[in-house]
Amino acid sequence: METEQRVEISFHKPSIKEKIFFLVSGLIVSVPFTVFLSEFSDSLCVAMPLLFAEVCSLVVFAPFIEELAKVFPLFYRHGETERSILNLGILVGLGFGVTEFALYVFALGAPFISRVAGVIFHASSTGITAYGIAKKKPIQFYLIAVAFHLTNNLFALFSDSFWLFFISGPIVLISTFLLVWHLYRRTSETIVV
């Protein structure tokens, strides 16, 4: 006679301390992870002419590296709901975006206002991948986030063009935000096993 085995996973709702942990993870885990992998990818692009090396580094490799680095802290989770995974992803992306903002504004002298959109973008794109993790389709949604990131970086690289920077860039940002908002509304309090 067969006996039925049941595994129970207790419902876990992240506390404020855990939410802070994920925000800080975006600040201090995802950024060094990105820097480490970027050094490697930059060495692959160094033999190209200047413009192509910059496109290779910022447009091709950076989106793949940064989107992976931002969801890396989500590997530390247990008994989370779909919605809490997405929320934690947004927090990690927010932490990453704040760190990148500080680096660009305070270390590289970028205009304050020009980097605010990047904070929102990173939170939103990480939320997209987190949704994929919650729905057990991480690669599909990771690639969607990478596509948004690649497009965003391409427009930022050619910021001399009014059309690309002031029209297309905001369209990518708003589209990324609206997609994560749509995905957020599709999540539930169902525990992800």
C-alpha atoms as a PDB file:
ATOM      1  CA  MET A   1       0.000   0.000   0.000  1.00  0.00           C
ATOM      2  CA  GLU A   2       1.361   3.386  -0.994  1.00  0.00           C
ATOM      3  CA  THR A   3       1.390   6.185   1.497  1.00  0.00           C
ATOM      4  CA  GLU A   4       1.006   9.719   0.369  1.00  0.00           C
ATOM      5  CA  GLN A   5       3.830  11.999   1.358  1.00  0.00           C
ATOM      6  CA  ARG A   6       3.128  15.655   1.870  1.00  0.00           C
ATOM      7  CA  VAL A   7       5.592  18.440   2.079  1.00  0.00           C
ATOM      8  CA  GLU A   8       4.466  21.590   3.769  1.00  0.00           C
ATOM      9  CA  ILE A   9       6.046  24.901   3.048  1.00  0.00           C
ATOM     10  CA  SER A  10       5.166  27.530   5.531  1.00  0.00           C
ATOM     11  CA  PHE A  11       3.931  30.869   4.309  1.00  0.00           C
ATOM     12  CA  HIS A  12       6.597  33.511   4.681  1.00  0.00           C
ATOM     13  CA  LYS A  13       5.986  37.219   4.439  1.00  0.00           C
ATOM     14  CA  PRO A  14       9.200  39.271   4.366  1.00  0.00           C
ATOM     15  CA  SER A  15       9.680  41.470   7.409  1.00  0.00           C
ATOM     16  CA  ILE A  16      10.964  45.029   7.156  1.00  0.00           C
ATOM     17  CA  LYS A  17      14.442  43.727   8.086  1.00  0.00           C
ATOM     18  CA  GLU A  18      14.374  41.274   5.194  1.00  0.00           C
ATOM     19  CA  LYS A  19      13.174  43.963   2.812  1.00  0.00           C
ATOM     20  CA  ILE A  20      16.069  46.160   3.947  1.00  0.00           C
ATOM     21  CA  PHE A  21      18.379  43.166   3.418  1.00  0.00           C
ATOM     22  CA  PHE A  22      17.299  42.926  -0.229  1.00  0.00           C
ATOM     23  CA  LEU A  23      17.573  46.676  -0.759  1.00  0.00           C
ATOM     24  CA  VAL A  24      21.093  46.615   0.716  1.00  0.00           C
ATOM     25  CA  SER A  25      21.908  43.533  -1.385  1.00  0.00           C
ATOM     26  CA  GLY A  26      21.253  45.615  -4.464  1.00  0.00           C
ATOM     27  CA  LEU A  27      23.573  48.250  -3.046  1.00  0.00           C
ATOM     28  CA  ILE A  28      26.497  46.110  -1.926  1.00  0.00           C
ATOM     29  CA  VAL A  29      26.185  42.702  -3.599  1.00  0.00           C
ATOM     30  CA  SER A  30      24.861  43.344  -7.099  1.00  0.00           C
ATOM     31  CA  VAL A  31      27.148  46.276  -7.890  1.00  0.00           C
ATOM     32  CA  PRO A  32      30.468  44.488  -7.071  1.00  0.00           C
ATOM     33  CA  PHE A  33      29.170  41.438  -8.956  1.00  0.00           C
ATOM     34  CA  THR A  34      28.557  43.714 -11.953  1.00  0.00           C
ATOM     35  CA  VAL A  35      31.961  45.383 -11.679  1.00  0.00           C
ATOM     36  CA  PHE A  36      33.732  42.023 -11.505  1.00  0.00           C
ATOM     37  CA  LEU A  37      31.971  40.607 -14.568  1.00  0.00           C
ATOM     38  CA  SER A  38      32.256  43.902 -16.451  1.00  0.00           C
ATOM     39  CA  GLU A  39      36.034  43.860 -16.109  1.00  0.00           C
ATOM     40  CA  PHE A  40      36.047  40.476 -17.807  1.00  0.00           C
ATOM     41  CA  SER A  41      33.635  41.517 -20.565  1.00  0.00           C
ATOM     42  CA  ASP A  42      35.533  44.778 -21.191  1.00  0.00           C
ATOM     43  CA  SER A  43      38.662  42.744 -21.892  1.00  0.00           C
ATOM     44  CA  LEU A  44      36.720  40.918 -24.616  1.00  0.00           C
ATOM     45  CA  CYS A  45      35.786  44.246 -26.261  1.00  0.00           C
ATOM     46  CA  VAL A  46      39.186  45.942 -26.015  1.00  0.00           C
ATOM     47  CA  ALA A  47      40.455  44.844 -29.438  1.00  0.00           C
ATOM     48  CA  MET A  48      37.612  46.611 -31.256  1.00  0.00           C
ATOM     49  CA  PRO A  49      37.711  50.181 -32.563  1.00  0.00           C
ATOM     50  CA  LEU A  50      36.617  52.729 -29.921  1.00  0.00           C
ATOM     51  CA  LEU A  51      32.937  53.121 -30.858  1.00  0.00           C
ATOM     52  CA  PHE A  52      32.457  49.388 -31.333  1.00  0.00           C
ATOM     53  CA  ALA A  53      34.226  48.640 -28.039  1.00  0.00           C
ATOM     54  CA  GLU A  54      31.850  51.016 -26.251  1.00  0.00           C
ATOM     55  CA  VAL A  55      28.812  49.456 -27.958  1.00  0.00           C
ATOM     56  CA  CYS A  56      30.148  45.987 -27.138  1.00  0.00           C
ATOM     57  CA  SER A  57      30.654  46.834 -23.477  1.00  0.00           C
ATOM     58  CA  LEU A  58      27.659  49.075 -22.707  1.00  0.00           C
ATOM     59  CA  VAL A  59      25.045  47.751 -25.096  1.00  0.00           C
ATOM     60  CA  VAL A  60      25.871  44.056 -25.500  1.00  0.00           C
ATOM     61  CA  PHE A  61      27.471  42.839 -22.276  1.00  0.00           C
ATOM     62  CA  ALA A  62      26.247  45.300 -19.620  1.00  0.00           C
ATOM     63  CA  PRO A  63      22.527  44.434 -19.893  1.00  0.00           C
ATOM     64  CA  PHE A  64      23.190  40.692 -19.524  1.00  0.00           C
ATOM     65  CA  ILE A  65      25.600  41.225 -16.631  1.00  0.00           C
ATOM     66  CA  GLU A  66      23.564  43.818 -14.736  1.00  0.00           C
ATOM     67  CA  GLU A  67      20.256  41.972 -15.031  1.00  0.00           C
ATOM     68  CA  LEU A  68      21.898  38.787 -13.717  1.00  0.00           C
ATOM     69  CA  ALA A  69      23.698  40.639 -10.927  1.00  0.00           C
ATOM     70  CA  LYS A  70      20.500  42.319  -9.786  1.00  0.00           C
ATOM     71  CA  VAL A  71      18.520  39.077  -9.391  1.00  0.00           C
ATOM     72  CA  PHE A  72      21.426  37.215  -7.811  1.00  0.00           C
ATOM     73  CA  PRO A  73      20.281  38.127  -4.247  1.00  0.00           C
ATOM     74  CA  LEU A  74      16.886  36.563  -4.995  1.00  0.00           C
ATOM     75  CA  PHE A  75      18.508  33.150  -4.761  1.00  0.00           C
ATOM     76  CA  TYR A  76      18.214  33.724  -0.992  1.00  0.00           C
ATOM     77  CA  ARG A  77      14.503  33.257  -0.482  1.00  0.00           C
ATOM     78  CA  HIS A  78      12.131  30.663   0.908  1.00  0.00           C
ATOM     79  CA  GLY A  79       8.397  30.189   1.033  1.00  0.00           C
ATOM     80  CA  GLU A  80       7.785  33.492  -0.724  1.00  0.00           C
ATOM     81  CA  THR A  81       4.650  34.394  -2.610  1.00  0.00           C
ATOM     82  CA  GLU A  82       4.700  35.512  -6.220  1.00  0.00           C
ATOM     83  CA  ARG A  83       4.050  39.072  -5.125  1.00  0.00           C
ATOM     84  CA  SER A  84       6.750  39.088  -2.439  1.00  0.00           C
ATOM     85  CA  ILE A  85       9.351  37.786  -4.918  1.00  0.00           C
ATOM     86  CA  LEU A  86       8.459  40.595  -7.309  1.00  0.00           C
ATOM     87  CA  ASN A  87       8.582  43.142  -4.470  1.00  0.00           C
ATOM     88  CA  LEU A  88      11.977  41.865  -3.319  1.00  0.00           C
ATOM     89  CA  GLY A  89      13.230  42.065  -6.910  1.00  0.00           C
ATOM     90  CA  ILE A  90      12.097  45.674  -7.139  1.00  0.00           C
ATOM     91  CA  LEU A  91      13.928  46.428  -3.871  1.00  0.00           C
ATOM     92  CA  VAL A  92      17.162  44.851  -5.130  1.00  0.00           C
ATOM     93  CA  GLY A  93      16.863  46.811  -8.385  1.00  0.00           C
ATOM     94  CA  LEU A  94      16.175  49.974  -6.417  1.00  0.00           C
ATOM     95  CA  GLY A  95      19.309  49.412  -4.336  1.00  0.00           C
ATOM     96  CA  PHE A  96      21.334  48.803  -7.483  1.00  0.00           C
ATOM     97  CA  GLY A  97      19.874  51.913  -9.113  1.00  0.00           C
ATOM     98  CA  VAL A  98      20.653  54.089  -6.082  1.00  0.00           C
ATOM     99  CA  THR A  99      24.270  52.899  -6.082  1.00  0.00           C
ATOM    100  CA  GLU A 100      24.633  53.503  -9.811  1.00  0.00           C
ATOM    101  CA  PHE A 101      23.005  56.923  -9.357  1.00  0.00           C
ATOM    102  CA  ALA A 102      25.512  57.859  -6.637  1.00  0.00           C
ATOM    103  CA  LEU A 103      28.453  56.657  -8.738  1.00  0.00           C
ATOM    104  CA  TYR A 104      27.368  58.575 -11.834  1.00  0.00           C
ATOM    105  CA  VAL A 105      26.390  61.794 -10.023  1.00  0.00           C
ATOM    106  CA  PHE A 106      29.045  62.040  -7.307  1.00  0.00           C
ATOM    107  CA  ALA A 107      32.003  60.230  -8.881  1.00  0.00           C
ATOM    108  CA  LEU A 108      31.512  60.966 -12.583  1.00  0.00           C
ATOM    109  CA  GLY A 109      29.722  64.320 -12.357  1.00  0.00           C
ATOM    110  CA  ALA A 110      26.592  63.342 -14.315  1.00  0.00           C
ATOM    111  CA  PRO A 111      23.641  65.720 -13.929  1.00  0.00           C
ATOM    112  CA  PHE A 112      21.436  64.737 -10.978  1.00  0.00           C
ATOM    113  CA  ILE A 113      18.169  64.807 -12.896  1.00  0.00           C
ATOM    114  CA  SER A 114      19.489  62.703 -15.770  1.00  0.00           C
ATOM    115  CA  ARG A 115      20.188  59.760 -13.456  1.00  0.00           C
ATOM    116  CA  VAL A 116      16.849  59.649 -11.593  1.00  0.00           C
ATOM    117  CA  ALA A 117      15.254  57.706 -14.450  1.00  0.00           C
ATOM    118  CA  GLY A 118      17.974  55.051 -14.101  1.00  0.00           C
ATOM    119  CA  VAL A 119      16.897  54.307 -10.528  1.00  0.00           C
ATOM    120  CA  ILE A 120      13.310  53.709 -11.677  1.00  0.00           C
ATOM    121  CA  PHE A 121      14.515  51.723 -14.674  1.00  0.00           C
ATOM    122  CA  HIS A 122      16.671  49.346 -12.607  1.00  0.00           C
ATOM    123  CA  ALA A 123      13.883  48.718 -10.093  1.00  0.00           C
ATOM    124  CA  SER A 124      11.435  48.005 -12.927  1.00  0.00           C
ATOM    125  CA  SER A 125      13.700  45.775 -15.013  1.00  0.00           C
ATOM    126  CA  THR A 126      14.640  43.688 -11.968  1.00  0.00           C
ATOM    127  CA  GLY A 127      10.947  43.359 -11.170  1.00  0.00           C
ATOM    128  CA  ILE A 128      10.406  41.875 -14.640  1.00  0.00           C
ATOM    129  CA  THR A 129      12.999  39.146 -14.035  1.00  0.00           C
ATOM    130  CA  ALA A 130      11.663  38.567 -10.523  1.00  0.00           C
ATOM    131  CA  TYR A 131       8.229  37.977 -12.023  1.00  0.00           C
ATOM    132  CA  GLY A 132       9.777  35.316 -14.247  1.00  0.00           C
ATOM    133  CA  ILE A 133      11.330  33.673 -11.190  1.00  0.00           C
ATOM    134  CA  ALA A 134       7.957  33.712  -9.429  1.00  0.00           C
ATOM    135  CA  LYS A 135       6.200  32.188 -12.465  1.00  0.00           C
ATOM    136  CA  LYS A 136       8.974  29.633 -13.094  1.00  0.00           C
ATOM    137  CA  LYS A 137       9.907  31.275 -16.394  1.00  0.00           C
ATOM    138  CA  PRO A 138      13.110  33.043 -15.335  1.00  0.00           C
ATOM    139  CA  ILE A 139      14.978  32.897 -18.641  1.00  0.00           C
ATOM    140  CA  GLN A 140      12.076  34.258 -20.689  1.00  0.00           C
ATOM    141  CA  PHE A 141      11.569  37.277 -18.408  1.00  0.00           C
ATOM    142  CA  TYR A 142      15.319  37.741 -17.876  1.00  0.00           C
ATOM    143  CA  LEU A 143      15.669  38.103 -21.651  1.00  0.00           C
ATOM    144  CA  ILE A 144      12.784  40.593 -21.738  1.00  0.00           C
ATOM    145  CA  ALA A 145      14.525  42.671 -19.046  1.00  0.00           C
ATOM    146  CA  VAL A 146      17.812  42.398 -20.963  1.00  0.00           C
ATOM    147  CA  ALA A 147      16.075  43.590 -24.157  1.00  0.00           C
ATOM    148  CA  PHE A 148      14.713  46.669 -22.373  1.00  0.00           C
ATOM    149  CA  HIS A 149      18.129  47.299 -20.793  1.00  0.00           C
ATOM    150  CA  LEU A 150      19.953  46.868 -24.096  1.00  0.00           C
ATOM    151  CA  THR A 151      17.583  49.300 -25.809  1.00  0.00           C
ATOM    152  CA  ASN A 152      17.885  51.791 -22.957  1.00  0.00           C
ATOM    153  CA  ASN A 153      21.696  51.654 -23.035  1.00  0.00           C
ATOM    154  CA  LEU A 154      21.747  52.006 -26.821  1.00  0.00           C
ATOM    155  CA  PHE A 155      19.664  55.186 -26.630  1.00  0.00           C
ATOM    156  CA  ALA A 156      21.807  56.520 -23.765  1.00  0.00           C
ATOM    157  CA  LEU A 157      24.989  55.867 -25.755  1.00  0.00           C
ATOM    158  CA  PHE A 158      23.697  58.009 -28.596  1.00  0.00           C
ATOM    159  CA  SER A 159      22.443  60.776 -26.313  1.00  0.00           C
ATOM    160  CA  ASP A 160      23.634  63.442 -28.769  1.00  0.00           C
ATOM    161  CA  SER A 161      20.600  62.672 -30.899  1.00  0.00           C
ATOM    162  CA  PHE A 162      17.522  64.532 -29.659  1.00  0.00           C
ATOM    163  CA  TRP A 163      15.172  61.871 -31.008  1.00  0.00           C
ATOM    164  CA  LEU A 164      17.000  58.946 -29.406  1.00  0.00           C
ATOM    165  CA  PHE A 165      17.608  60.525 -26.014  1.00  0.00           C
ATOM    166  CA  PHE A 166      14.560  62.679 -25.345  1.00  0.00           C
ATOM    167  CA  ILE A 167      11.882  60.682 -27.152  1.00  0.00           C
ATOM    168  CA  SER A 168      12.919  57.032 -27.434  1.00  0.00           C
ATOM    169  CA  GLY A 169      14.685  56.834 -24.067  1.00  0.00           C
ATOM    170  CA  PRO A 170      11.602  57.905 -22.072  1.00  0.00           C
ATOM    171  CA  ILE A 171       9.462  55.513 -24.137  1.00  0.00           C
ATOM    172  CA  VAL A 172      11.698  52.609 -23.042  1.00  0.00           C
ATOM    173  CA  LEU A 173      11.616  53.785 -19.415  1.00  0.00           C
ATOM    174  CA  ILE A 174       7.836  54.188 -19.360  1.00  0.00           C
ATOM    175  CA  SER A 175       7.322  50.862 -21.151  1.00  0.00           C
ATOM    176  CA  THR A 176       9.518  49.061 -18.618  1.00  0.00           C
ATOM    177  CA  PHE A 177       7.652  50.651 -15.714  1.00  0.00           C
ATOM    178  CA  LEU A 178       4.227  49.881 -17.219  1.00  0.00           C
ATOM    179  CA  LEU A 179       5.216  46.267 -17.893  1.00  0.00           C
ATOM    180  CA  VAL A 180       6.351  45.667 -14.320  1.00  0.00           C
ATOM    181  CA  TRP A 181       3.162  47.341 -13.068  1.00  0.00           C
ATOM    182  CA  HIS A 182       1.118  45.006 -15.282  1.00  0.00           C
ATOM    183  CA  LEU A 183       3.100  41.986 -14.073  1.00  0.00           C
ATOM    184  CA  TYR A 184       2.712  43.089 -10.457  1.00  0.00           C
ATOM    185  CA  ARG A 185      -1.057  43.082 -10.901  1.00  0.00           C
ATOM    186  CA  ARG A 186      -0.821  39.525 -12.293  1.00  0.00           C
ATOM    187  CA  THR A 187       0.963  38.220  -9.207  1.00  0.00           C
ATOM    188  CA  SER A 188      -0.845  36.674  -6.276  1.00  0.00           C
ATOM    189  CA  GLU A 189      -0.188  35.644  -2.732  1.00  0.00           C
ATOM    190  CA  THR A 190       0.344  32.072  -3.958  1.00  0.00           C
ATOM    191  CA  ILE A 191       3.451  30.506  -2.456  1.00  0.00           C
ATOM    192  CA  VAL A 192       6.138  29.722  -5.017  1.00  0.00           C
ATOM    193  CA  VAL A 193       7.451  26.240  -4.490  1.00  0.00           C
END
